């Protein structure tokens, strides 16, 4: 039995591992870009709840760029919502100067709420 075979119908090489031929997949340079925390969390969600989509994107070589985009969107949303909510609730630099402990407490509360929004709108959607 050959260790490697080529399938002309799909243009992929396969490597014999045990009793099965596994596709030899190499990620393009674009597909090796790093993904952050949000992208990692969405990846875990896909693996657990959207296995077909996860596998399809992995095979097509689009998973990493998709996750990097999700990570970028989530990070931008985090910064924007945190700023907007802080402004709405008067969590300002003046408050920070006048009462740093209260400012820290309020910012932590805001960031917690924003994270929940991001989870529901982006990560677990």
Protein backbone atom coordinates (compact mmCIF):
# COMPACT_ATOMS: atom_id res chain seq x y z
CA UNK A 1 0.00 0.00 0.00
CA UNK A 2 1.29 3.47 -0.93
CA UNK A 3 1.93 5.92 1.90
CA UNK A 4 0.71 8.82 -0.30
CA UNK A 5 -1.94 8.92 -3.02
CA UNK A 6 -3.23 11.73 -5.22
CA UNK A 7 -6.96 12.15 -5.94
CA UNK A 8 -7.38 13.80 -9.35
CA UNK A 9 -11.08 14.51 -8.73
CA UNK A 10 -10.34 17.03 -5.98
CA UNK A 11 -6.62 17.71 -6.45
CA UNK A 12 -5.62 16.60 -2.96
CA UNK A 13 -2.82 14.40 -1.71
CA UNK A 14 -3.63 11.87 1.00
CA UNK A 15 -1.31 10.26 3.53
CA UNK A 16 -1.87 6.80 4.97
CA UNK A 17 -2.24 6.99 8.74
CA UNK A 18 -3.11 3.63 10.24
CA UNK A 19 -5.87 2.18 8.08
CA UNK A 20 -7.08 5.51 6.69
CA UNK A 21 -5.91 8.04 4.14
CA UNK A 22 -6.01 11.55 5.61
CA UNK A 23 -5.86 14.66 3.36
CA UNK A 24 -2.53 16.48 3.44
CA UNK A 25 -3.66 20.03 4.12
CA UNK A 26 -1.24 22.93 4.30
CA UNK A 27 -2.49 26.33 5.33
CA UNK A 28 -1.62 29.26 3.14
CA UNK A 29 0.29 32.15 4.67
CA UNK A 30 -2.98 34.07 4.99
CA UNK A 31 -4.43 31.18 6.98
CA UNK A 32 -1.66 31.29 9.57
CA UNK A 33 -2.44 34.76 10.90
CA UNK A 34 -2.81 34.74 14.68
CA UNK A 35 -6.23 34.88 16.26
CA UNK A 36 -6.93 36.36 19.65
CA UNK A 37 -9.09 35.45 22.61
CA UNK A 38 -12.43 36.23 20.93
CA UNK A 39 -11.50 34.19 17.87
CA UNK A 40 -10.41 31.28 20.06
CA UNK A 41 -13.72 31.36 21.94
CA UNK A 42 -15.70 31.39 18.70
CA UNK A 43 -13.58 28.52 17.38
CA UNK A 44 -14.47 26.47 20.47
CA UNK A 45 -18.14 27.31 19.96
CA UNK A 46 -17.97 26.17 16.32
CA UNK A 47 -16.23 22.92 17.29
CA UNK A 48 -18.87 22.12 19.90
CA UNK A 49 -22.06 23.40 18.25
CA UNK A 50 -21.45 23.90 14.51
CA UNK A 51 -19.20 20.94 13.68
CA UNK A 52 -20.12 20.77 10.00
CA UNK A 53 -19.39 24.46 9.44
CA UNK A 54 -16.14 24.19 11.41
CA UNK A 55 -14.96 21.16 9.41
CA UNK A 56 -15.98 22.68 6.08
CA UNK A 57 -14.12 25.92 6.74
CA UNK A 58 -11.09 24.00 8.00
CA UNK A 59 -10.95 21.89 4.83
CA UNK A 60 -11.55 24.88 2.56
CA UNK A 61 -8.77 26.80 4.29
CA UNK A 62 -11.01 29.69 5.36
CA UNK A 63 -11.29 29.01 9.10
CA UNK A 64 -8.31 31.00 10.31
CA UNK A 65 -9.10 34.18 8.38
CA UNK A 66 -12.75 33.89 9.47
CA UNK A 67 -11.71 33.57 13.13
CA UNK A 68 -9.26 36.47 12.82
CA UNK A 69 -12.10 38.59 11.41
CA UNK A 70 -14.44 37.55 14.25
CA UNK A 71 -11.69 38.47 16.72
CA UNK A 72 -11.22 41.88 15.10
CA UNK A 73 -14.98 42.57 15.05
CA UNK A 74 -15.38 41.58 18.70
CA UNK A 75 -12.43 43.71 19.81
CA UNK A 76 -13.71 46.74 17.90
CA UNK A 77 -17.20 46.23 19.37
CA UNK A 78 -15.71 45.94 22.87
CA UNK A 79 -13.92 49.28 22.57
CA UNK A 80 -16.86 51.07 20.94
CA UNK A 81 -19.54 49.84 23.36
CA UNK A 82 -17.35 50.43 26.41
CA UNK A 83 -16.76 54.02 25.32
CA UNK A 84 -20.44 54.65 24.48
CA UNK A 85 -21.80 53.19 27.72
CA UNK A 86 -19.18 54.98 29.82
CA UNK A 87 -20.21 58.28 28.22
CA UNK A 88 -23.93 57.55 28.75
CA UNK A 89 -23.35 56.75 32.43
CA UNK A 90 -20.95 59.67 33.08
CA UNK A 91 -17.98 57.42 33.81
CA UNK A 92 -15.51 60.13 32.83
CA UNK A 93 -11.92 61.14 33.37
CA UNK A 94 -13.21 63.63 35.95
CA UNK A 95 -14.76 60.77 37.93
CA UNK A 96 -11.49 58.89 37.58
CA UNK A 97 -9.59 61.85 39.04
CA UNK A 98 -12.15 62.49 41.81
CA UNK A 99 -12.90 58.91 42.85
CA UNK A 100 -10.63 56.33 41.23
CA UNK A 101 -12.12 53.36 43.11
CA UNK A 102 -15.66 54.19 41.97
CA UNK A 103 -14.42 54.70 38.40
CA UNK A 104 -12.71 51.28 38.41
CA UNK A 105 -15.85 49.62 39.82
CA UNK A 106 -18.10 51.23 37.20
CA UNK A 107 -15.71 50.40 34.34
CA UNK A 108 -15.56 46.75 35.43
CA UNK A 109 -19.36 46.61 35.47
CA UNK A 110 -19.53 48.18 32.01
CA UNK A 111 -16.91 45.82 30.60
CA UNK A 112 -18.75 42.83 32.03
CA UNK A 113 -22.00 43.92 30.37
CA UNK A 114 -20.19 44.59 27.10
CA UNK A 115 -18.60 41.13 27.14
CA UNK A 116 -22.05 39.57 27.53
CA UNK A 117 -23.30 41.57 24.53
CA UNK A 118 -20.33 40.41 22.45
CA UNK A 119 -20.90 36.79 23.45
CA UNK A 120 -24.55 36.93 22.41
CA UNK A 121 -24.09 39.00 19.22
CA UNK A 122 -20.82 37.62 17.84
CA UNK A 123 -19.20 34.71 19.66
CA UNK A 124 -22.19 32.42 20.25
CA UNK A 125 -24.26 33.55 17.25
